[in-house]
Amino acid sequence: METKISQTSISKLEFMELINKAREGDQNAMMEIIKLYESEMIYLSRYIKMPKEDALQAMILGLIELIKRGEIND
């Protein structure tokens, strides 16, 4: 079963594999996850009362922290 994530479709299994690799320190996997959510973060940055780049940086940092702490699960 495919899970629609962002504008790119990947399976839930593929997404969880990326999450696990990112938790283990794979920077390429982390970048792939960030790319999956990039368009949503750009959209949402318009509604945060701070410069766009600062808002994007804060959201990316938050996503990385969630992944590293293991708060994203299936």
PDB file of N, CA and C in Angstrom:
ATOM      1  N   MET A   1       0.847  -1.175   0.000  1.00  0.00           N
ATOM      2  CA  MET A   1       0.000   0.000   0.000  1.00  0.00           C
ATOM      3  C   MET A   1       0.894   1.240   0.000  1.00  0.00           C
ATOM      4  N   GLU A   2       0.591   2.190  -0.853  1.00  0.00           N
ATOM      5  CA  GLU A   2       1.358   3.424  -0.972  1.00  0.00           C
ATOM      6  C   GLU A   2       0.807   4.486  -0.028  1.00  0.00           C
ATOM      7  N   THR A   3       1.689   5.175   0.641  1.00  0.00           N
ATOM      8  CA  THR A   3       1.319   6.317   1.463  1.00  0.00           C
ATOM      9  C   THR A   3       1.769   7.560   0.726  1.00  0.00           C
ATOM     10  N   LYS A   4       0.867   8.494   0.500  1.00  0.00           N
ATOM     11  CA  LYS A   4       1.201   9.723  -0.216  1.00  0.00           C
ATOM     12  C   LYS A   4       1.886  10.676   0.755  1.00  0.00           C
ATOM     13  N   ILE A   5       3.122  10.987   0.477  1.00  0.00           N
ATOM     14  CA  ILE A   5       3.885  11.912   1.296  1.00  0.00           C
ATOM     15  C   ILE A   5       4.365  13.019   0.378  1.00  0.00           C
ATOM     16  N   SER A   6       3.942  14.248   0.697  1.00  0.00           N
ATOM     17  CA  SER A   6       4.284  15.399  -0.123  1.00  0.00           C
ATOM     18  C   SER A   6       3.804  15.142  -1.540  1.00  0.00           C
ATOM     19  N   GLN A   7       4.567  15.605  -2.515  1.00  0.00           N
ATOM     20  CA  GLN A   7       4.192  15.403  -3.907  1.00  0.00           C
ATOM     21  C   GLN A   7       4.855  14.146  -4.458  1.00  0.00           C
ATOM     22  N   THR A   8       5.631  13.506  -3.644  1.00  0.00           N
ATOM     23  CA  THR A   8       6.323  12.296  -4.032  1.00  0.00           C
ATOM     24  C   THR A   8       5.665  11.126  -3.323  1.00  0.00           C
ATOM     25  N   SER A   9       5.389  10.062  -4.065  1.00  0.00           N
ATOM     26  CA  SER A   9       4.812   8.878  -3.445  1.00  0.00           C
ATOM     27  C   SER A   9       5.918   7.887  -3.144  1.00  0.00           C
ATOM     28  N   ILE A  10       5.994   7.510  -1.885  1.00  0.00           N
ATOM     29  CA  ILE A  10       6.861   6.411  -1.499  1.00  0.00           C
ATOM     30  C   ILE A  10       6.039   5.535  -0.570  1.00  0.00           C
ATOM     31  N   SER A  11       6.419   4.302  -0.487  1.00  0.00           N
ATOM     32  CA  SER A  11       5.665   3.405   0.387  1.00  0.00           C
ATOM     33  C   SER A  11       5.992   3.708   1.843  1.00  0.00           C
ATOM     34  N   LYS A  12       5.105   3.286   2.701  1.00  0.00           N
ATOM     35  CA  LYS A  12       5.324   3.463   4.137  1.00  0.00           C
ATOM     36  C   LYS A  12       6.608   2.751   4.558  1.00  0.00           C
ATOM     37  N   LEU A  13       6.847   1.585   3.981  1.00  0.00           N
ATOM     38  CA  LEU A  13       8.052   0.819   4.285  1.00  0.00           C
ATOM     39  C   LEU A  13       9.305   1.596   3.890  1.00  0.00           C
ATOM     40  N   GLU A  14       9.292   2.189   2.690  1.00  0.00           N
ATOM     41  CA  GLU A  14      10.440   2.983   2.240  1.00  0.00           C
ATOM     42  C   GLU A  14      10.665   4.186   3.151  1.00  0.00           C
ATOM     43  N   PHE A  15       9.565   4.825   3.563  1.00  0.00           N
ATOM     44  CA  PHE A  15       9.666   5.978   4.450  1.00  0.00           C
ATOM     45  C   PHE A  15      10.269   5.566   5.791  1.00  0.00           C
ATOM     46  N   MET A  16       9.805   4.458   6.354  1.00  0.00           N
ATOM     47  CA  MET A  16      10.332   3.999   7.637  1.00  0.00           C
ATOM     48  C   MET A  16      11.798   3.583   7.519  1.00  0.00           C
ATOM     49  N   GLU A  17      12.189   3.047   6.368  1.00  0.00           N
ATOM     50  CA  GLU A  17      13.599   2.721   6.148  1.00  0.00           C
ATOM     51  C   GLU A  17      14.442   3.997   6.150  1.00  0.00           C
ATOM     52  N   LEU A  18      13.925   5.054   5.513  1.00  0.00           N
ATOM     53  CA  LEU A  18      14.626   6.340   5.533  1.00  0.00           C
ATOM     54  C   LEU A  18      14.749   6.863   6.962  1.00  0.00           C
ATOM     55  N   ILE A  19      13.667   6.771   7.727  1.00  0.00           N
ATOM     56  CA  ILE A  19      13.680   7.232   9.119  1.00  0.00           C
ATOM     57  C   ILE A  19      14.740   6.471   9.911  1.00  0.00           C
ATOM     58  N   ASN A  20      14.758   5.163   9.781  1.00  0.00           N
ATOM     59  CA  ASN A  20      15.729   4.353  10.526  1.00  0.00           C
ATOM     60  C   ASN A  20      17.162   4.683  10.128  1.00  0.00           C
ATOM     61  N   LYS A  21      17.403   4.861   8.842  1.00  0.00           N
ATOM     62  CA  LYS A  21      18.744   5.231   8.384  1.00  0.00           C
ATOM     63  C   LYS A  21      19.142   6.601   8.924  1.00  0.00           C
ATOM     64  N   ALA A  22      18.204   7.539   8.920  1.00  0.00           N
ATOM     65  CA  ALA A  22      18.486   8.884   9.424  1.00  0.00           C
ATOM     66  C   ALA A  22      18.807   8.835  10.915  1.00  0.00           C
ATOM     67  N   ARG A  23      18.080   8.024  11.667  1.00  0.00           N
ATOM     68  CA  ARG A  23      18.350   7.869  13.110  1.00  0.00           C
ATOM     69  C   ARG A  23      19.745   7.322  13.353  1.00  0.00           C
ATOM     70  N   GLU A  24      20.213   6.492  12.431  1.00  0.00           N
ATOM     71  CA  GLU A  24      21.541   5.884  12.561  1.00  0.00           C
ATOM     72  C   GLU A  24      22.646   6.807  12.061  1.00  0.00           C
ATOM     73  N   GLY A  25      22.279   8.000  11.596  1.00  0.00           N
ATOM     74  CA  GLY A  25      23.281   8.978  11.186  1.00  0.00           C
ATOM     75  C   GLY A  25      23.490   9.121   9.690  1.00  0.00           C
ATOM     76  N   ASP A  26      22.672   8.478   8.880  1.00  0.00           N
ATOM     77  CA  ASP A  26      22.798   8.584   7.423  1.00  0.00           C
ATOM     78  C   ASP A  26      22.307   9.961   6.970  1.00  0.00           C
ATOM     79  N   GLN A  27      23.246  10.826   6.598  1.00  0.00           N
ATOM     80  CA  GLN A  27      22.897  12.191   6.208  1.00  0.00           C
ATOM     81  C   GLN A  27      22.106  12.241   4.906  1.00  0.00           C
ATOM     82  N   ASN A  28      22.373  11.317   4.001  1.00  0.00           N
ATOM     83  CA  ASN A  28      21.614  11.287   2.746  1.00  0.00           C
ATOM     84  C   ASN A  28      20.147  10.951   3.003  1.00  0.00           C
ATOM     85  N   ALA A  29      19.898  10.036   3.914  1.00  0.00           N
ATOM     86  CA  ALA A  29      18.518   9.689   4.269  1.00  0.00           C
ATOM     87  C   ALA A  29      17.824  10.883   4.910  1.00  0.00           C
ATOM     88  N   MET A  30      18.538  11.594   5.784  1.00  0.00           N
ATOM     89  CA  MET A  30      17.960  12.779   6.431  1.00  0.00           C
ATOM     90  C   MET A  30      17.615  13.834   5.383  1.00  0.00           C
ATOM     91  N   MET A  31      18.499  14.049   4.426  1.00  0.00           N
ATOM     92  CA  MET A  31      18.233  15.030   3.367  1.00  0.00           C
ATOM     93  C   MET A  31      17.032  14.614   2.520  1.00  0.00           C
ATOM     94  N   GLU A  32      16.887  13.337   2.260  1.00  0.00           N
ATOM     95  CA  GLU A  32      15.750  12.839   1.484  1.00  0.00           C
ATOM     96  C   GLU A  32      14.437  13.097   2.227  1.00  0.00           C
ATOM     97  N   ILE A  33      14.437  12.880   3.529  1.00  0.00           N
ATOM     98  CA  ILE A  33      13.237  13.149   4.334  1.00  0.00           C
ATOM     99  C   ILE A  33      12.911  14.633   4.297  1.00  0.00           C
ATOM    100  N   ILE A  34      13.922  15.467   4.459  1.00  0.00           N
ATOM    101  CA  ILE A  34      13.711  16.920   4.419  1.00  0.00           C
ATOM    102  C   ILE A  34      13.144  17.328   3.064  1.00  0.00           C
ATOM    103  N   LYS A  35      13.668  16.750   1.987  1.00  0.00           N
ATOM    104  CA  LYS A  35      13.156  17.059   0.642  1.00  0.00           C
ATOM    105  C   LYS A  35      11.686  16.655   0.493  1.00  0.00           C
ATOM    106  N   LEU A  36      11.301  15.551   1.137  1.00  0.00           N
ATOM    107  CA  LEU A  36       9.909  15.103   1.059  1.00  0.00           C
ATOM    108  C   LEU A  36       8.947  16.131   1.651  1.00  0.00           C
ATOM    109  N   TYR A  37       9.404  16.845   2.663  1.00  0.00           N
ATOM    110  CA  TYR A  37       8.552  17.816   3.353  1.00  0.00           C
ATOM    111  C   TYR A  37       8.834  19.261   2.967  1.00  0.00           C
ATOM    112  N   GLU A  38       9.783  19.473   2.088  1.00  0.00           N
ATOM    113  CA  GLU A  38      10.221  20.827   1.752  1.00  0.00           C
ATOM    114  C   GLU A  38       9.098  21.721   1.237  1.00  0.00           C
ATOM    115  N   SER A  39       8.289  21.236   0.326  1.00  0.00           N
ATOM    116  CA  SER A  39       7.238  22.087  -0.244  1.00  0.00           C
ATOM    117  C   SER A  39       6.215  22.499   0.817  1.00  0.00           C
ATOM    118  N   GLU A  40       5.876  21.578   1.736  1.00  0.00           N
ATOM    119  CA  GLU A  40       4.949  21.926   2.810  1.00  0.00           C
ATOM    120  C   GLU A  40       5.557  22.955   3.756  1.00  0.00           C
ATOM    121  N   MET A  41       6.857  22.803   4.040  1.00  0.00           N
ATOM    122  CA  MET A  41       7.515  23.750   4.935  1.00  0.00           C
ATOM    123  C   MET A  41       7.601  25.139   4.300  1.00  0.00           C
ATOM    124  N   ILE A  42       7.859  25.192   3.011  1.00  0.00           N
ATOM    125  CA  ILE A  42       7.894  26.484   2.316  1.00  0.00           C
ATOM    126  C   ILE A  42       6.518  27.136   2.378  1.00  0.00           C
ATOM    127  N   TYR A  43       5.479  26.350   2.136  1.00  0.00           N
ATOM    128  CA  TYR A  43       4.113  26.870   2.208  1.00  0.00           C
ATOM    129  C   TYR A  43       3.805  27.392   3.612  1.00  0.00           C
ATOM    130  N   LEU A  44       4.104  26.599   4.619  1.00  0.00           N
ATOM    131  CA  LEU A  44       3.803  26.979   5.999  1.00  0.00           C
ATOM    132  C   LEU A  44       4.627  28.170   6.473  1.00  0.00           C
ATOM    133  N   SER A  45       5.813  28.351   5.916  1.00  0.00           N
ATOM    134  CA  SER A  45       6.677  29.456   6.349  1.00  0.00           C
ATOM    135  C   SER A  45       6.031  30.813   6.108  1.00  0.00           C
ATOM    136  N   ARG A  46       5.085  30.876   5.191  1.00  0.00           N
ATOM    137  CA  ARG A  46       4.395  32.144   4.919  1.00  0.00           C
ATOM    138  C   ARG A  46       3.523  32.584   6.083  1.00  0.00           C
ATOM    139  N   TYR A  47       3.140  31.662   6.930  1.00  0.00           N
ATOM    140  CA  TYR A  47       2.232  31.963   8.029  1.00  0.00           C
ATOM    141  C   TYR A  47       2.939  32.117   9.377  1.00  0.00           C
ATOM    142  N   ILE A  48       4.246  32.009   9.371  1.00  0.00           N
ATOM    143  CA  ILE A  48       5.028  32.167  10.595  1.00  0.00           C
ATOM    144  C   ILE A  48       5.617  33.570  10.586  1.00  0.00           C
ATOM    145  N   LYS A  49       5.409  34.292  11.660  1.00  0.00           N
ATOM    146  CA  LYS A  49       5.815  35.696  11.717  1.00  0.00           C
ATOM    147  C   LYS A  49       7.302  35.824  12.025  1.00  0.00           C
ATOM    148  N   MET A  50       8.102  35.418  11.053  1.00  0.00           N
ATOM    149  CA  MET A  50       9.552  35.598  11.098  1.00  0.00           C
ATOM    150  C   MET A  50      10.035  35.499   9.659  1.00  0.00           C
ATOM    151  N   PRO A  51      11.252  35.920   9.383  1.00  0.00           N
ATOM    152  CA  PRO A  51      11.746  35.796   8.012  1.00  0.00           C
ATOM    153  C   PRO A  51      11.623  34.353   7.507  1.00  0.00           C
ATOM    154  N   LYS A  52      11.319  34.231   6.216  1.00  0.00           N
ATOM    155  CA  LYS A  52      11.068  32.917   5.610  1.00  0.00           C
ATOM    156  C   LYS A  52      12.202  31.930   5.886  1.00  0.00           C
ATOM    157  N   GLU A  53      13.440  32.362   5.696  1.00  0.00           N
ATOM    158  CA  GLU A  53      14.579  31.460   5.901  1.00  0.00           C
ATOM    159  C   GLU A  53      14.680  31.001   7.352  1.00  0.00           C
ATOM    160  N   ASP A  54      14.394  31.900   8.286  1.00  0.00           N
ATOM    161  CA  ASP A  54      14.423  31.523   9.705  1.00  0.00           C
ATOM    162  C   ASP A  54      13.322  30.514  10.016  1.00  0.00           C
ATOM    163  N   ALA A  55      12.148  30.729   9.447  1.00  0.00           N
ATOM    164  CA  ALA A  55      11.032  29.804   9.660  1.00  0.00           C
ATOM    165  C   ALA A  55      11.364  28.426   9.093  1.00  0.00           C
ATOM    166  N   LEU A  56      11.929  28.393   7.892  1.00  0.00           N
ATOM    167  CA  LEU A  56      12.312  27.113   7.280  1.00  0.00           C
ATOM    168  C   LEU A  56      13.360  26.401   8.129  1.00  0.00           C
ATOM    169  N   GLN A  57      14.347  27.156   8.576  1.00  0.00           N
ATOM    170  CA  GLN A  57      15.399  26.569   9.394  1.00  0.00           C
ATOM    171  C   GLN A  57      14.822  25.995  10.686  1.00  0.00           C
ATOM    172  N   ALA A  58      13.899  26.702  11.313  1.00  0.00           N
ATOM    173  CA  ALA A  58      13.279  26.223  12.552  1.00  0.00           C
ATOM    174  C   ALA A  58      12.481  24.941  12.305  1.00  0.00           C
ATOM    175  N   MET A  59      11.749  24.879  11.193  1.00  0.00           N
ATOM    176  CA  MET A  59      10.962  23.677  10.890  1.00  0.00           C
ATOM    177  C   MET A  59      11.866  22.488  10.579  1.00  0.00           C
ATOM    178  N   ILE A  60      12.929  22.727   9.820  1.00  0.00           N
ATOM    179  CA  ILE A  60      13.865  21.645   9.493  1.00  0.00           C
ATOM    180  C   ILE A  60      14.524  21.126  10.762  1.00  0.00           C
ATOM    181  N   LEU A  61      14.955  22.035  11.621  1.00  0.00           N
ATOM    182  CA  LEU A  61      15.564  21.630  12.885  1.00  0.00           C
ATOM    183  C   LEU A  61      14.576  20.821  13.726  1.00  0.00           C
ATOM    184  N   GLY A  62      13.327  21.259  13.773  1.00  0.00           N
ATOM    185  CA  GLY A  62      12.304  20.523  14.512  1.00  0.00           C
ATOM    186  C   GLY A  62      12.100  19.123  13.959  1.00  0.00           C
ATOM    187  N   LEU A  63      12.085  18.993  12.639  1.00  0.00           N
ATOM    188  CA  LEU A  63      11.929  17.682  12.004  1.00  0.00           C
ATOM    189  C   LEU A  63      13.108  16.776  12.344  1.00  0.00           C
ATOM    190  N   ILE A  64      14.311  17.324  12.261  1.00  0.00           N
ATOM    191  CA  ILE A  64      15.509  16.542  12.591  1.00  0.00           C
ATOM    192  C   ILE A  64      15.458  16.076  14.047  1.00  0.00           C
ATOM    193  N   GLU A  65      15.055  16.960  14.944  1.00  0.00           N
ATOM    194  CA  GLU A  65      14.964  16.589  16.359  1.00  0.00           C
ATOM    195  C   GLU A  65      13.934  15.490  16.586  1.00  0.00           C
ATOM    196  N   LEU A  66      12.791  15.574  15.908  1.00  0.00           N
ATOM    197  CA  LEU A  66      11.775  14.517  16.037  1.00  0.00           C
ATOM    198  C   LEU A  66      12.323  13.170  15.593  1.00  0.00           C
ATOM    199  N   ILE A  67      13.035  13.176  14.488  1.00  0.00           N
ATOM    200  CA  ILE A  67      13.600  11.930  13.961  1.00  0.00           C
ATOM    201  C   ILE A  67      14.644  11.381  14.925  1.00  0.00           C
ATOM    202  N   LYS A  68      15.552  12.228  15.370  1.00  0.00           N
ATOM    203  CA  LYS A  68      16.637  11.787  16.257  1.00  0.00           C
ATOM    204  C   LYS A  68      16.113  11.264  17.597  1.00  0.00           C
ATOM    205  N   ARG A  69      15.055  11.878  18.130  1.00  0.00           N
ATOM    206  CA  ARG A  69      14.486  11.438  19.410  1.00  0.00           C
ATOM    207  C   ARG A  69      13.604  10.205  19.255  1.00  0.00           C
ATOM    208  N   GLY A  70      13.342   9.811  18.020  1.00  0.00           N
ATOM    209  CA  GLY A  70      12.512   8.633  17.799  1.00  0.00           C
ATOM    210  C   GLY A  70      11.033   8.892  17.950  1.00  0.00           C
ATOM    211  N   GLU A  71      10.608  10.138  17.769  1.00  0.00           N
ATOM    212  CA  GLU A  71       9.200  10.484  17.944  1.00  0.00           C
ATOM    213  C   GLU A  71       8.386  10.333  16.665  1.00  0.00           C
ATOM    214  N   ILE A  72       9.010   9.864  15.618  1.00  0.00           N
ATOM    215  CA  ILE A  72       8.289   9.539  14.385  1.00  0.00           C
ATOM    216  C   ILE A  72       8.300   8.026  14.286  1.00  0.00           C
ATOM    217  N   ASN A  73       7.119   7.447  14.281  1.00  0.00           N
ATOM    218  CA  ASN A  73       7.031   5.998  14.183  1.00  0.00           C
ATOM    219  C   ASN A  73       5.870   5.627  13.284  1.00  0.00           C
ATOM    220  N   ASP A  74       5.752   4.344  13.018  1.00  0.00           N
ATOM    221  CA  ASP A  74       4.699   3.897  12.112  1.00  0.00           C
ATOM    222  C   ASP A  74       3.391   3.819  12.835  1.00  0.00           C
TER     223      ASP A  74
END
